[in-house]
Amino acid sequence: MKFKKTITIIVIIIVLLFSMVLGGLLGAGNYSYAEKYEFSVSKDELIKAVQLLKNEKPEYNIPQVIELTDAQNNNDGYFHFYFYYQNENQIVHFFISDSNNSSFLYLDAINDGLTLGHWQEVNRDFDRDNNIKVKNEFMERILNNLKLNYKDKGNGMFVFWK
Protein backbone atom coordinates (compact mmCIF):
# COMPACT_ATOMS: atom_id res chain seq x y z
CA MET A 1 0.00 0.00 0.00
CA LYS A 2 2.81 2.39 0.89
CA PHE A 3 4.54 1.50 -2.40
CA LYS A 4 1.44 2.42 -4.47
CA LYS A 5 1.13 5.75 -2.68
CA THR A 6 4.79 6.55 -3.36
CA ILE A 7 4.45 5.60 -7.06
CA THR A 8 1.30 7.72 -7.36
CA ILE A 9 3.06 10.76 -5.86
CA ILE A 10 6.04 10.28 -8.18
CA VAL A 11 3.76 10.00 -11.24
CA ILE A 12 1.89 13.16 -10.21
CA ILE A 13 5.17 15.06 -9.79
CA ILE A 14 6.42 13.87 -13.19
CA VAL A 15 3.14 14.85 -14.88
CA LEU A 16 3.24 18.30 -13.25
CA LEU A 17 6.86 18.89 -14.26
CA PHE A 18 6.18 17.70 -17.79
CA SER A 19 3.14 20.02 -18.00
CA MET A 20 5.20 22.99 -16.82
CA VAL A 21 7.95 22.31 -19.35
CA LEU A 22 5.52 21.71 -22.20
CA GLY A 23 3.51 24.80 -21.23
CA GLY A 24 6.69 26.89 -21.25
CA LEU A 25 7.62 25.59 -24.69
CA LEU A 26 4.20 26.26 -26.15
CA GLY A 27 3.87 29.57 -24.34
CA ALA A 28 1.60 32.32 -25.60
CA GLY A 29 2.94 32.51 -29.11
CA ASN A 30 6.18 33.87 -30.50
CA TYR A 31 6.33 36.76 -28.05
CA SER A 32 5.43 35.04 -24.80
CA TYR A 33 8.08 36.91 -22.78
CA ALA A 34 7.40 40.42 -24.11
CA GLU A 35 6.56 43.13 -21.58
CA LYS A 36 2.97 44.27 -22.16
CA TYR A 37 1.69 47.85 -21.80
CA GLU A 38 -2.02 48.64 -22.20
CA PHE A 39 -3.32 51.80 -23.86
CA SER A 40 -6.85 53.22 -23.79
CA VAL A 41 -6.45 54.58 -27.31
CA SER A 42 -6.90 52.89 -30.66
CA LYS A 43 -4.10 50.99 -32.33
CA ASP A 44 -3.91 53.67 -35.03
CA GLU A 45 -3.62 56.46 -32.44
CA LEU A 46 -0.85 54.60 -30.64
CA ILE A 47 1.02 53.97 -33.90
CA LYS A 48 0.75 57.69 -34.74
CA ALA A 49 2.08 58.64 -31.28
CA VAL A 50 5.11 56.37 -31.76
CA GLN A 51 5.72 57.67 -35.29
CA LEU A 52 5.49 61.27 -34.02
CA LEU A 53 8.05 60.51 -31.31
CA LYS A 54 10.39 59.03 -33.89
CA ASN A 55 9.98 62.11 -36.11
CA GLU A 56 10.68 64.42 -33.16
CA LYS A 57 13.73 62.42 -32.08
CA PRO A 58 15.55 61.30 -35.24
CA GLU A 59 18.40 59.90 -33.12
CA TYR A 60 16.09 56.93 -32.53
CA ASN A 61 16.05 56.05 -36.23
CA ILE A 62 17.90 52.88 -37.21
CA PRO A 63 21.06 53.60 -39.23
CA GLN A 64 20.52 52.91 -42.91
CA VAL A 65 23.15 50.15 -42.92
CA ILE A 66 20.46 47.98 -41.30
CA GLU A 67 17.34 47.16 -43.25
CA LEU A 68 14.80 47.22 -40.43
CA THR A 69 11.68 49.24 -41.11
CA ASP A 70 8.71 50.07 -38.97
CA ALA A 71 5.75 48.35 -40.57
CA GLN A 72 2.68 46.20 -40.24
CA ASN A 73 3.61 42.54 -40.44
CA ASN A 74 0.99 40.65 -42.43
CA ASN A 75 2.04 37.33 -40.89
CA ASP A 76 1.28 38.25 -37.28
CA GLY A 77 -0.92 41.34 -37.71
CA TYR A 78 1.25 43.47 -35.41
CA PHE A 79 2.80 46.83 -36.24
CA HIS A 80 6.54 46.48 -35.50
CA PHE A 81 8.87 49.31 -34.47
CA TYR A 82 12.64 49.47 -34.17
CA PHE A 83 14.34 52.22 -32.16
CA TYR A 84 18.08 52.80 -31.89
CA TYR A 85 19.82 53.76 -28.65
CA GLN A 86 22.96 55.42 -30.01
CA ASN A 87 24.98 55.64 -26.79
CA GLU A 88 24.44 51.97 -26.00
CA ASN A 89 24.60 50.90 -29.66
CA GLN A 90 21.41 48.88 -29.22
CA ILE A 91 18.31 48.26 -31.31
CA VAL A 92 15.02 48.02 -29.44
CA HIS A 93 12.15 46.02 -30.93
CA PHE A 94 8.55 46.45 -29.86
CA PHE A 95 5.19 45.99 -31.52
CA ILE A 96 1.60 47.12 -31.23
CA SER A 97 -1.61 45.11 -31.32
CA ASP A 98 -5.21 45.78 -30.38
CA SER A 99 -8.16 44.07 -28.77
CA ASN A 100 -11.68 45.46 -28.29
CA ASN A 101 -11.36 49.00 -26.87
CA SER A 102 -7.64 48.89 -26.05
CA SER A 103 -4.33 48.67 -27.79
CA PHE A 104 -1.21 47.03 -26.48
CA LEU A 105 2.47 47.76 -26.88
CA TYR A 106 4.85 44.85 -26.29
CA LEU A 107 8.52 45.46 -25.53
CA ASP A 108 10.08 42.38 -27.09
CA ALA A 109 13.85 42.37 -27.43
CA ILE A 110 17.12 44.30 -27.53
CA ASN A 111 19.85 43.67 -30.12
CA ASP A 112 23.43 44.56 -29.15
CA GLY A 113 25.18 46.38 -31.97
CA LEU A 114 24.22 46.92 -35.58
CA THR A 115 24.81 43.34 -36.61
CA LEU A 116 21.50 41.51 -36.31
CA GLY A 117 21.34 38.19 -34.52
CA HIS A 118 22.34 39.38 -31.06
CA TRP A 119 18.80 39.71 -29.75
CA GLN A 120 18.02 39.28 -26.08
CA GLU A 121 14.39 38.86 -25.08
CA VAL A 122 12.99 41.00 -22.31
CA ASN A 123 11.85 38.97 -19.28
CA ARG A 124 13.83 35.97 -20.48
CA ASP A 125 17.46 36.57 -21.43
CA PHE A 126 18.45 39.35 -19.02
CA ASP A 127 19.25 38.83 -15.36
CA ARG A 128 16.83 40.48 -12.94
CA ASP A 129 18.73 43.77 -12.54
CA ASN A 130 19.40 44.24 -16.26
CA ASN A 131 15.81 43.32 -17.09
CA ILE A 132 14.55 46.06 -14.76
CA LYS A 133 17.07 48.47 -16.25
CA VAL A 134 15.94 47.69 -19.83
CA LYS A 135 12.26 48.23 -18.95
CA ASN A 136 12.94 51.43 -16.99
CA GLU A 137 15.04 52.80 -19.85
CA PHE A 138 12.25 52.00 -22.31
CA MET A 139 9.69 53.69 -20.05
CA GLU A 140 11.86 56.79 -19.71
CA ARG A 141 12.92 57.12 -23.35
CA ILE A 142 9.88 55.89 -25.25
CA LEU A 143 6.71 55.53 -23.20
CA ASN A 144 7.08 58.76 -21.20
CA ASN A 145 7.55 60.68 -24.46
CA LEU A 146 4.45 59.41 -26.26
CA LYS A 147 2.39 62.28 -24.82
CA LEU A 148 -0.07 59.83 -23.30
CA ASN A 149 -0.99 59.70 -19.62
CA TYR A 150 -0.60 56.49 -17.70
CA LYS A 151 -1.15 54.92 -14.32
CA ASP A 152 0.50 51.96 -12.66
CA LYS A 153 -1.97 49.07 -12.32
CA GLY A 154 0.42 47.22 -10.05
CA ASN A 155 2.26 44.00 -10.88
CA GLY A 156 4.31 45.98 -13.40
CA MET A 157 1.27 46.82 -15.57
CA PHE A 158 0.56 50.35 -16.77
CA VAL A 159 -2.53 51.76 -18.48
CA PHE A 160 -2.08 54.71 -20.86
CA TRP A 161 -4.69 57.13 -22.20
CA LYS A 162 -4.91 60.55 -23.87
C-alpha atoms as a PDB file:
ATOM      1  CA  MET A   1       0.000   0.000   0.000  1.00  0.00           C
ATOM      2  CA  LYS A   2       2.811   2.393   0.886  1.00  0.00           C
ATOM      3  CA  PHE A   3       4.538   1.503  -2.397  1.00  0.00           C
ATOM      4  CA  LYS A   4       1.438   2.415  -4.472  1.00  0.00           C
ATOM      5  CA  LYS A   5       1.134   5.746  -2.679  1.00  0.00           C
ATOM      6  CA  THR A   6       4.792   6.551  -3.363  1.00  0.00           C
ATOM      7  CA  ILE A   7       4.447   5.604  -7.055  1.00  0.00           C
ATOM      8  CA  THR A   8       1.297   7.718  -7.356  1.00  0.00           C
ATOM      9  CA  ILE A   9       3.063  10.756  -5.864  1.00  0.00           C
ATOM     10  CA  ILE A  10       6.045  10.281  -8.183  1.00  0.00           C
ATOM     11  CA  VAL A  11       3.762   9.998 -11.239  1.00  0.00           C
ATOM     12  CA  ILE A  12       1.886  13.157 -10.209  1.00  0.00           C
ATOM     13  CA  ILE A  13       5.166  15.065  -9.792  1.00  0.00           C
ATOM     14  CA  ILE A  14       6.423  13.868 -13.192  1.00  0.00           C
ATOM     15  CA  VAL A  15       3.136  14.850 -14.879  1.00  0.00           C
ATOM     16  CA  LEU A  16       3.239  18.304 -13.247  1.00  0.00           C
ATOM     17  CA  LEU A  17       6.862  18.887 -14.256  1.00  0.00           C
ATOM     18  CA  PHE A  18       6.176  17.696 -17.793  1.00  0.00           C
ATOM     19  CA  SER A  19       3.139  20.024 -18.000  1.00  0.00           C
ATOM     20  CA  MET A  20       5.202  22.991 -16.822  1.00  0.00           C
ATOM     21  CA  VAL A  21       7.949  22.307 -19.347  1.00  0.00           C
ATOM     22  CA  LEU A  22       5.521  21.714 -22.197  1.00  0.00           C
ATOM     23  CA  GLY A  23       3.511  24.804 -21.231  1.00  0.00           C
ATOM     24  CA  GLY A  24       6.688  26.887 -21.254  1.00  0.00           C
ATOM     25  CA  LEU A  25       7.616  25.587 -24.688  1.00  0.00           C
ATOM     26  CA  LEU A  26       4.199  26.260 -26.148  1.00  0.00           C
ATOM     27  CA  GLY A  27       3.870  29.575 -24.339  1.00  0.00           C
ATOM     28  CA  ALA A  28       1.602  32.316 -25.597  1.00  0.00           C
ATOM     29  CA  GLY A  29       2.937  32.510 -29.110  1.00  0.00           C
ATOM     30  CA  ASN A  30       6.178  33.866 -30.495  1.00  0.00           C
ATOM     31  CA  TYR A  31       6.328  36.764 -28.047  1.00  0.00           C
ATOM     32  CA  SER A  32       5.429  35.039 -24.801  1.00  0.00           C
ATOM     33  CA  TYR A  33       8.079  36.908 -22.778  1.00  0.00           C
ATOM     34  CA  ALA A  34       7.403  40.423 -24.107  1.00  0.00           C
ATOM     35  CA  GLU A  35       6.556  43.133 -21.576  1.00  0.00           C
ATOM     36  CA  LYS A  36       2.966  44.272 -22.162  1.00  0.00           C
ATOM     37  CA  TYR A  37       1.692  47.849 -21.796  1.00  0.00           C
ATOM     38  CA  GLU A  38      -2.024  48.636 -22.200  1.00  0.00           C
ATOM     39  CA  PHE A  39      -3.318  51.805 -23.863  1.00  0.00           C
ATOM     40  CA  SER A  40      -6.850  53.221 -23.793  1.00  0.00           C
ATOM     41  CA  VAL A  41      -6.451  54.578 -27.310  1.00  0.00           C
ATOM     42  CA  SER A  42      -6.901  52.888 -30.665  1.00  0.00           C
ATOM     43  CA  LYS A  43      -4.096  50.989 -32.326  1.00  0.00           C
ATOM     44  CA  ASP A  44      -3.914  53.674 -35.033  1.00  0.00           C
ATOM     45  CA  GLU A  45      -3.618  56.463 -32.437  1.00  0.00           C
ATOM     46  CA  LEU A  46      -0.848  54.596 -30.640  1.00  0.00           C
ATOM     47  CA  ILE A  47       1.020  53.971 -33.901  1.00  0.00           C
ATOM     48  CA  LYS A  48       0.747  57.694 -34.740  1.00  0.00           C
ATOM     49  CA  ALA A  49       2.075  58.635 -31.281  1.00  0.00           C
ATOM     50  CA  VAL A  50       5.110  56.375 -31.759  1.00  0.00           C
ATOM     51  CA  GLN A  51       5.724  57.673 -35.285  1.00  0.00           C
ATOM     52  CA  LEU A  52       5.491  61.267 -34.016  1.00  0.00           C
ATOM     53  CA  LEU A  53       8.050  60.510 -31.311  1.00  0.00           C
ATOM     54  CA  LYS A  54      10.393  59.029 -33.893  1.00  0.00           C
ATOM     55  CA  ASN A  55       9.984  62.112 -36.110  1.00  0.00           C
ATOM     56  CA  GLU A  56      10.679  64.421 -33.160  1.00  0.00           C
ATOM     57  CA  LYS A  57      13.728  62.421 -32.078  1.00  0.00           C
ATOM     58  CA  PRO A  58      15.549  61.300 -35.243  1.00  0.00           C
ATOM     59  CA  GLU A  59      18.401  59.898 -33.121  1.00  0.00           C
ATOM     60  CA  TYR A  60      16.091  56.929 -32.525  1.00  0.00           C
ATOM     61  CA  ASN A  61      16.052  56.046 -36.226  1.00  0.00           C
ATOM     62  CA  ILE A  62      17.896  52.876 -37.208  1.00  0.00           C
ATOM     63  CA  PRO A  63      21.062  53.603 -39.228  1.00  0.00           C
ATOM     64  CA  GLN A  64      20.521  52.913 -42.910  1.00  0.00           C
ATOM     65  CA  VAL A  65      23.154  50.151 -42.916  1.00  0.00           C
ATOM     66  CA  ILE A  66      20.463  47.977 -41.303  1.00  0.00           C
ATOM     67  CA  GLU A  67      17.340  47.161 -43.253  1.00  0.00           C
ATOM     68  CA  LEU A  68      14.803  47.220 -40.435  1.00  0.00           C
ATOM     69  CA  THR A  69      11.683  49.236 -41.114  1.00  0.00           C
ATOM     70  CA  ASP A  70       8.708  50.072 -38.971  1.00  0.00           C
ATOM     71  CA  ALA A  71       5.745  48.346 -40.570  1.00  0.00           C
ATOM     72  CA  GLN A  72       2.677  46.199 -40.244  1.00  0.00           C
ATOM     73  CA  ASN A  73       3.607  42.536 -40.443  1.00  0.00           C
ATOM     74  CA  ASN A  74       0.985  40.650 -42.429  1.00  0.00           C
ATOM     75  CA  ASN A  75       2.041  37.327 -40.891  1.00  0.00           C
ATOM     76  CA  ASP A  76       1.277  38.245 -37.285  1.00  0.00           C
ATOM     77  CA  GLY A  77      -0.921  41.342 -37.706  1.00  0.00           C
ATOM     78  CA  TYR A  78       1.252  43.465 -35.414  1.00  0.00           C
ATOM     79  CA  PHE A  79       2.801  46.828 -36.235  1.00  0.00           C
ATOM     80  CA  HIS A  80       6.538  46.475 -35.496  1.00  0.00           C
ATOM     81  CA  PHE A  81       8.871  49.309 -34.474  1.00  0.00           C
ATOM     82  CA  TYR A  82      12.641  49.470 -34.166  1.00  0.00           C
ATOM     83  CA  PHE A  83      14.341  52.216 -32.164  1.00  0.00           C
ATOM     84  CA  TYR A  84      18.077  52.801 -31.887  1.00  0.00           C
ATOM     85  CA  TYR A  85      19.821  53.764 -28.650  1.00  0.00           C
ATOM     86  CA  GLN A  86      22.956  55.422 -30.009  1.00  0.00           C
ATOM     87  CA  ASN A  87      24.983  55.641 -26.786  1.00  0.00           C
ATOM     88  CA  GLU A  88      24.441  51.966 -25.998  1.00  0.00           C
ATOM     89  CA  ASN A  89      24.603  50.898 -29.663  1.00  0.00           C
ATOM     90  CA  GLN A  90      21.405  48.876 -29.216  1.00  0.00           C
ATOM     91  CA  ILE A  91      18.308  48.259 -31.311  1.00  0.00           C
ATOM     92  CA  VAL A  92      15.022  48.016 -29.437  1.00  0.00           C
ATOM     93  CA  HIS A  93      12.153  46.016 -30.933  1.00  0.00           C
ATOM     94  CA  PHE A  94       8.552  46.451 -29.861  1.00  0.00           C
ATOM     95  CA  PHE A  95       5.193  45.989 -31.524  1.00  0.00           C
ATOM     96  CA  ILE A  96       1.599  47.121 -31.227  1.00  0.00           C
ATOM     97  CA  SER A  97      -1.613  45.111 -31.321  1.00  0.00           C
ATOM     98  CA  ASP A  98      -5.212  45.783 -30.383  1.00  0.00           C
ATOM     99  CA  SER A  99      -8.165  44.074 -28.774  1.00  0.00           C
ATOM    100  CA  ASN A 100     -11.679  45.461 -28.292  1.00  0.00           C
ATOM    101  CA  ASN A 101     -11.358  48.998 -26.869  1.00  0.00           C
ATOM    102  CA  SER A 102      -7.644  48.886 -26.054  1.00  0.00           C
ATOM    103  CA  SER A 103      -4.326  48.667 -27.790  1.00  0.00           C
ATOM    104  CA  PHE A 104      -1.205  47.033 -26.476  1.00  0.00           C
ATOM    105  CA  LEU A 105       2.473  47.764 -26.880  1.00  0.00           C
ATOM    106  CA  TYR A 106       4.846  44.853 -26.287  1.00  0.00           C
ATOM    107  CA  LEU A 107       8.522  45.460 -25.526  1.00  0.00           C
ATOM    108  CA  ASP A 108      10.080  42.384 -27.094  1.00  0.00           C
ATOM    109  CA  ALA A 109      13.854  42.375 -27.426  1.00  0.00           C
ATOM    110  CA  ILE A 110      17.121  44.301 -27.533  1.00  0.00           C
ATOM    111  CA  ASN A 111      19.849  43.674 -30.116  1.00  0.00           C
ATOM    112  CA  ASP A 112      23.428  44.559 -29.149  1.00  0.00           C
ATOM    113  CA  GLY A 113      25.181  46.377 -31.970  1.00  0.00           C
ATOM    114  CA  LEU A 114      24.224  46.923 -35.580  1.00  0.00           C
ATOM    115  CA  THR A 115      24.806  43.336 -36.614  1.00  0.00           C
ATOM    116  CA  LEU A 116      21.504  41.511 -36.308  1.00  0.00           C
ATOM    117  CA  GLY A 117      21.338  38.188 -34.523  1.00  0.00           C
ATOM    118  CA  HIS A 118      22.339  39.378 -31.061  1.00  0.00           C
ATOM    119  CA  TRP A 119      18.803  39.709 -29.750  1.00  0.00           C
ATOM    120  CA  GLN A 120      18.018  39.280 -26.081  1.00  0.00           C
ATOM    121  CA  GLU A 121      14.390  38.859 -25.081  1.00  0.00           C
ATOM    122  CA  VAL A 122      12.987  40.998 -22.310  1.00  0.00           C
ATOM    123  CA  ASN A 123      11.849  38.969 -19.277  1.00  0.00           C
ATOM    124  CA  ARG A 124      13.833  35.973 -20.480  1.00  0.00           C
ATOM    125  CA  ASP A 125      17.463  36.572 -21.425  1.00  0.00           C
ATOM    126  CA  PHE A 126      18.451  39.351 -19.020  1.00  0.00           C
ATOM    127  CA  ASP A 127      19.246  38.827 -15.363  1.00  0.00           C
ATOM    128  CA  ARG A 128      16.828  40.482 -12.943  1.00  0.00           C
ATOM    129  CA  ASP A 129      18.733  43.770 -12.540  1.00  0.00           C
ATOM    130  CA  ASN A 130      19.399  44.239 -16.255  1.00  0.00           C
ATOM    131  CA  ASN A 131      15.811  43.324 -17.093  1.00  0.00           C
ATOM    132  CA  ILE A 132      14.548  46.056 -14.757  1.00  0.00           C
ATOM    133  CA  LYS A 133      17.075  48.472 -16.252  1.00  0.00           C
ATOM    134  CA  VAL A 134      15.939  47.692 -19.830  1.00  0.00           C
ATOM    135  CA  LYS A 135      12.264  48.227 -18.952  1.00  0.00           C
ATOM    136  CA  ASN A 136      12.940  51.432 -16.992  1.00  0.00           C
ATOM    137  CA  GLU A 137      15.043  52.804 -19.850  1.00  0.00           C
ATOM    138  CA  PHE A 138      12.250  51.996 -22.307  1.00  0.00           C
ATOM    139  CA  MET A 139       9.691  53.687 -20.047  1.00  0.00           C
ATOM    140  CA  GLU A 140      11.862  56.788 -19.708  1.00  0.00           C
ATOM    141  CA  ARG A 141      12.921  57.122 -23.352  1.00  0.00           C
ATOM    142  CA  ILE A 142       9.884  55.895 -25.246  1.00  0.00           C
ATOM    143  CA  LEU A 143       6.706  55.533 -23.197  1.00  0.00           C
ATOM    144  CA  ASN A 144       7.082  58.764 -21.203  1.00  0.00           C
ATOM    145  CA  ASN A 145       7.553  60.678 -24.463  1.00  0.00           C
ATOM    146  CA  LEU A 146       4.446  59.406 -26.262  1.00  0.00           C
ATOM    147  CA  LYS A 147       2.395  62.282 -24.819  1.00  0.00           C
ATOM    148  CA  LEU A 148      -0.068  59.832 -23.301  1.00  0.00           C
ATOM    149  CA  ASN A 149      -0.991  59.704 -19.619  1.00  0.00           C
ATOM    150  CA  TYR A 150      -0.597  56.489 -17.696  1.00  0.00           C
ATOM    151  CA  LYS A 151      -1.151  54.918 -14.321  1.00  0.00           C
ATOM    152  CA  ASP A 152       0.502  51.955 -12.664  1.00  0.00           C
ATOM    153  CA  LYS A 153      -1.975  49.069 -12.322  1.00  0.00           C
ATOM    154  CA  GLY A 154       0.418  47.222 -10.054  1.00  0.00           C
ATOM    155  CA  ASN A 155       2.264  43.998 -10.880  1.00  0.00           C
ATOM    156  CA  GLY A 156       4.313  45.977 -13.403  1.00  0.00           C
ATOM    157  CA  MET A 157       1.266  46.823 -15.567  1.00  0.00           C
ATOM    158  CA  PHE A 158       0.557  50.352 -16.765  1.00  0.00           C
ATOM    159  CA  VAL A 159      -2.526  51.761 -18.485  1.00  0.00           C
ATOM    160  CA  PHE A 160      -2.084  54.711 -20.856  1.00  0.00           C
ATOM    161  CA  TRP A 161      -4.688  57.133 -22.195  1.00  0.00           C
ATOM    162  CA  LYS A 162      -4.912  60.552 -23.865  1.00  0.00           C
END
